[in-house]
Amino acid sequence: MKLKYNDIKFEIKKLGLTQEQVADILGITTNTLNYRIKQDKPTIHWAMYGIANYYGKDNNLEIKE
């Protein structure tokens, strides 16, 4: 299964979190978070999927089987 957020930064704001909080949850720096978002690799999308499921709903997500 492949999933991809259309806009991860929007998802973070929608959840009421800051980039600093998300970086802390992931155990990385804010700079590393932004780097991973820019890389657009699947791991950051899966990490956001987990965070979104824990903190709220995710309707900014595209899932392909």
N, C-alpha and C. Protein backbone atom coordinates (compact mmCIF):
# COMPACT_ATOMS: atom_id res chain seq x y z
N MET A 1 0.86 -1.17 0.00
CA MET A 1 0.00 0.00 0.00
C MET A 1 0.90 1.23 0.00
N LYS A 2 0.52 2.22 -0.76
CA LYS A 2 1.27 3.47 -0.84
C LYS A 2 0.36 4.60 -0.37
N LEU A 3 0.88 5.39 0.56
CA LEU A 3 0.10 6.54 1.01
C LEU A 3 0.93 7.80 0.89
N LYS A 4 0.26 8.91 0.67
CA LYS A 4 0.97 10.17 0.48
C LYS A 4 0.07 11.32 0.90
N TYR A 5 0.61 12.18 1.75
CA TYR A 5 -0.10 13.39 2.12
C TYR A 5 0.13 14.44 1.04
N ASN A 6 -0.92 15.16 0.71
CA ASN A 6 -0.80 16.23 -0.27
C ASN A 6 0.03 17.38 0.28
N ASP A 7 -0.08 17.63 1.57
CA ASP A 7 0.64 18.74 2.20
C ASP A 7 0.87 18.40 3.68
N ILE A 8 2.06 17.94 4.00
CA ILE A 8 2.37 17.52 5.37
C ILE A 8 2.34 18.70 6.33
N LYS A 9 2.84 19.84 5.91
CA LYS A 9 2.83 21.01 6.80
C LYS A 9 1.41 21.43 7.13
N PHE A 10 0.50 21.33 6.18
CA PHE A 10 -0.91 21.63 6.43
C PHE A 10 -1.48 20.63 7.44
N GLU A 11 -1.12 19.37 7.29
CA GLU A 11 -1.60 18.33 8.20
C GLU A 11 -1.14 18.62 9.62
N ILE A 12 0.10 19.04 9.78
CA ILE A 12 0.63 19.37 11.10
C ILE A 12 -0.18 20.49 11.73
N LYS A 13 -0.44 21.55 10.97
CA LYS A 13 -1.23 22.68 11.48
C LYS A 13 -2.65 22.25 11.81
N LYS A 14 -3.25 21.43 10.94
CA LYS A 14 -4.62 20.97 11.13
C LYS A 14 -4.76 20.17 12.43
N LEU A 15 -3.72 19.45 12.79
CA LEU A 15 -3.73 18.66 14.01
C LEU A 15 -3.51 19.52 15.25
N GLY A 16 -3.21 20.80 15.05
CA GLY A 16 -2.97 21.69 16.17
C GLY A 16 -1.58 21.54 16.77
N LEU A 17 -0.69 20.98 15.98
CA LEU A 17 0.69 20.78 16.42
C LEU A 17 1.61 21.75 15.71
N THR A 18 2.79 21.95 16.26
CA THR A 18 3.82 22.74 15.60
C THR A 18 4.84 21.79 14.99
N GLN A 19 5.63 22.30 14.09
CA GLN A 19 6.69 21.48 13.51
C GLN A 19 7.68 21.05 14.59
N GLU A 20 7.89 21.91 15.58
CA GLU A 20 8.79 21.57 16.68
C GLU A 20 8.25 20.38 17.48
N GLN A 21 6.94 20.36 17.72
CA GLN A 21 6.33 19.26 18.46
C GLN A 21 6.43 17.95 17.67
N VAL A 22 6.16 18.01 16.37
CA VAL A 22 6.24 16.81 15.54
C VAL A 22 7.68 16.30 15.49
N ALA A 23 8.63 17.21 15.34
CA ALA A 23 10.03 16.81 15.33
C ALA A 23 10.40 16.13 16.65
N ASP A 24 9.92 16.67 17.75
CA ASP A 24 10.19 16.08 19.06
C ASP A 24 9.57 14.69 19.17
N ILE A 25 8.34 14.53 18.69
CA ILE A 25 7.67 13.23 18.70
C ILE A 25 8.50 12.20 17.92
N LEU A 26 9.05 12.64 16.79
CA LEU A 26 9.83 11.75 15.93
C LEU A 26 11.28 11.59 16.40
N GLY A 27 11.69 12.41 17.37
CA GLY A 27 13.05 12.32 17.88
C GLY A 27 14.09 12.89 16.94
N ILE A 28 13.68 13.91 16.18
CA ILE A 28 14.58 14.56 15.23
C ILE A 28 14.52 16.07 15.42
N THR A 29 15.40 16.80 14.75
CA THR A 29 15.37 18.25 14.83
C THR A 29 14.34 18.79 13.84
N THR A 30 13.97 20.04 14.03
CA THR A 30 13.04 20.69 13.10
C THR A 30 13.65 20.77 11.70
N ASN A 31 14.95 21.04 11.63
CA ASN A 31 15.63 21.08 10.33
C ASN A 31 15.56 19.73 9.62
N THR A 32 15.75 18.66 10.37
CA THR A 32 15.66 17.32 9.79
C THR A 32 14.24 17.02 9.34
N LEU A 33 13.25 17.45 10.12
CA LEU A 33 11.86 17.26 9.72
C LEU A 33 11.60 17.96 8.39
N ASN A 34 12.01 19.21 8.27
CA ASN A 34 11.80 19.95 7.02
C ASN A 34 12.55 19.29 5.86
N TYR A 35 13.74 18.79 6.12
CA TYR A 35 14.52 18.09 5.09
C TYR A 35 13.76 16.85 4.61
N ARG A 36 13.22 16.09 5.56
CA ARG A 36 12.48 14.88 5.19
C ARG A 36 11.20 15.21 4.44
N ILE A 37 10.54 16.29 4.83
CA ILE A 37 9.34 16.71 4.11
C ILE A 37 9.70 17.07 2.67
N LYS A 38 10.81 17.79 2.49
CA LYS A 38 11.24 18.18 1.14
C LYS A 38 11.66 16.97 0.32
N GLN A 39 12.25 15.96 0.96
CA GLN A 39 12.65 14.74 0.25
C GLN A 39 11.44 13.98 -0.28
N ASP A 40 10.32 14.07 0.45
CA ASP A 40 9.06 13.46 0.04
C ASP A 40 9.15 11.93 -0.09
N LYS A 41 9.94 11.32 0.79
CA LYS A 41 10.06 9.86 0.78
C LYS A 41 8.92 9.25 1.60
N PRO A 42 8.60 7.98 1.33
CA PRO A 42 7.47 7.33 2.01
C PRO A 42 7.56 7.33 3.54
N THR A 43 8.74 7.29 4.11
CA THR A 43 8.85 7.19 5.57
C THR A 43 8.22 8.37 6.29
N ILE A 44 8.35 9.57 5.76
CA ILE A 44 7.76 10.74 6.42
C ILE A 44 6.23 10.70 6.32
N HIS A 45 5.72 10.18 5.22
CA HIS A 45 4.27 10.06 5.06
C HIS A 45 3.71 9.03 6.04
N TRP A 46 4.41 7.92 6.22
CA TRP A 46 3.98 6.91 7.17
C TRP A 46 4.06 7.44 8.60
N ALA A 47 5.10 8.19 8.90
CA ALA A 47 5.23 8.79 10.24
C ALA A 47 4.07 9.75 10.50
N MET A 48 3.74 10.58 9.53
CA MET A 48 2.62 11.52 9.68
C MET A 48 1.29 10.76 9.78
N TYR A 49 1.18 9.66 9.10
CA TYR A 49 -0.03 8.83 9.19
C TYR A 49 -0.23 8.36 10.63
N GLY A 50 0.84 7.91 11.26
CA GLY A 50 0.77 7.48 12.65
C GLY A 50 0.41 8.62 13.58
N ILE A 51 1.05 9.77 13.38
CA ILE A 51 0.77 10.94 14.22
C ILE A 51 -0.67 11.41 14.02
N ALA A 52 -1.12 11.46 12.77
CA ALA A 52 -2.48 11.90 12.49
C ALA A 52 -3.51 10.95 13.08
N ASN A 53 -3.24 9.67 13.04
CA ASN A 53 -4.17 8.70 13.64
C ASN A 53 -4.21 8.83 15.15
N TYR A 54 -3.11 9.21 15.76
CA TYR A 54 -3.07 9.37 17.21
C TYR A 54 -3.73 10.67 17.65
N TYR A 55 -3.46 11.77 16.92
CA TYR A 55 -3.92 13.10 17.33
C TYR A 55 -5.23 13.54 16.67
N GLY A 56 -5.68 12.88 15.62
CA GLY A 56 -6.91 13.32 14.96
C GLY A 56 -7.14 12.57 13.66
N LYS A 57 -8.03 13.10 12.86
CA LYS A 57 -8.37 12.49 11.57
C LYS A 57 -7.46 13.01 10.47
N ASP A 58 -7.37 12.24 9.39
CA ASP A 58 -6.55 12.68 8.26
C ASP A 58 -7.36 12.61 6.97
N ASN A 59 -7.71 13.75 6.43
CA ASN A 59 -8.43 13.77 5.16
C ASN A 59 -7.59 14.43 4.07
N ASN A 60 -6.31 14.62 4.35
CA ASN A 60 -5.35 15.23 3.44
C ASN A 60 -4.47 14.12 2.86
N LEU A 61 -5.02 12.91 2.80
CA LEU A 61 -4.23 11.71 2.52
C LEU A 61 -4.74 11.01 1.28
N GLU A 62 -3.80 10.52 0.48
CA GLU A 62 -4.15 9.75 -0.71
C GLU A 62 -3.54 8.36 -0.54
N ILE A 63 -4.38 7.34 -0.61
CA ILE A 63 -3.93 5.97 -0.43
C ILE A 63 -4.14 5.20 -1.74
N LYS A 64 -3.08 4.52 -2.19
CA LYS A 64 -3.16 3.70 -3.40
C LYS A 64 -2.80 2.28 -3.03
N GLU A 65 -3.60 1.36 -3.47
CA GLU A 65 -3.36 -0.07 -3.19
C GLU A 65 -2.33 -0.61 -4.16
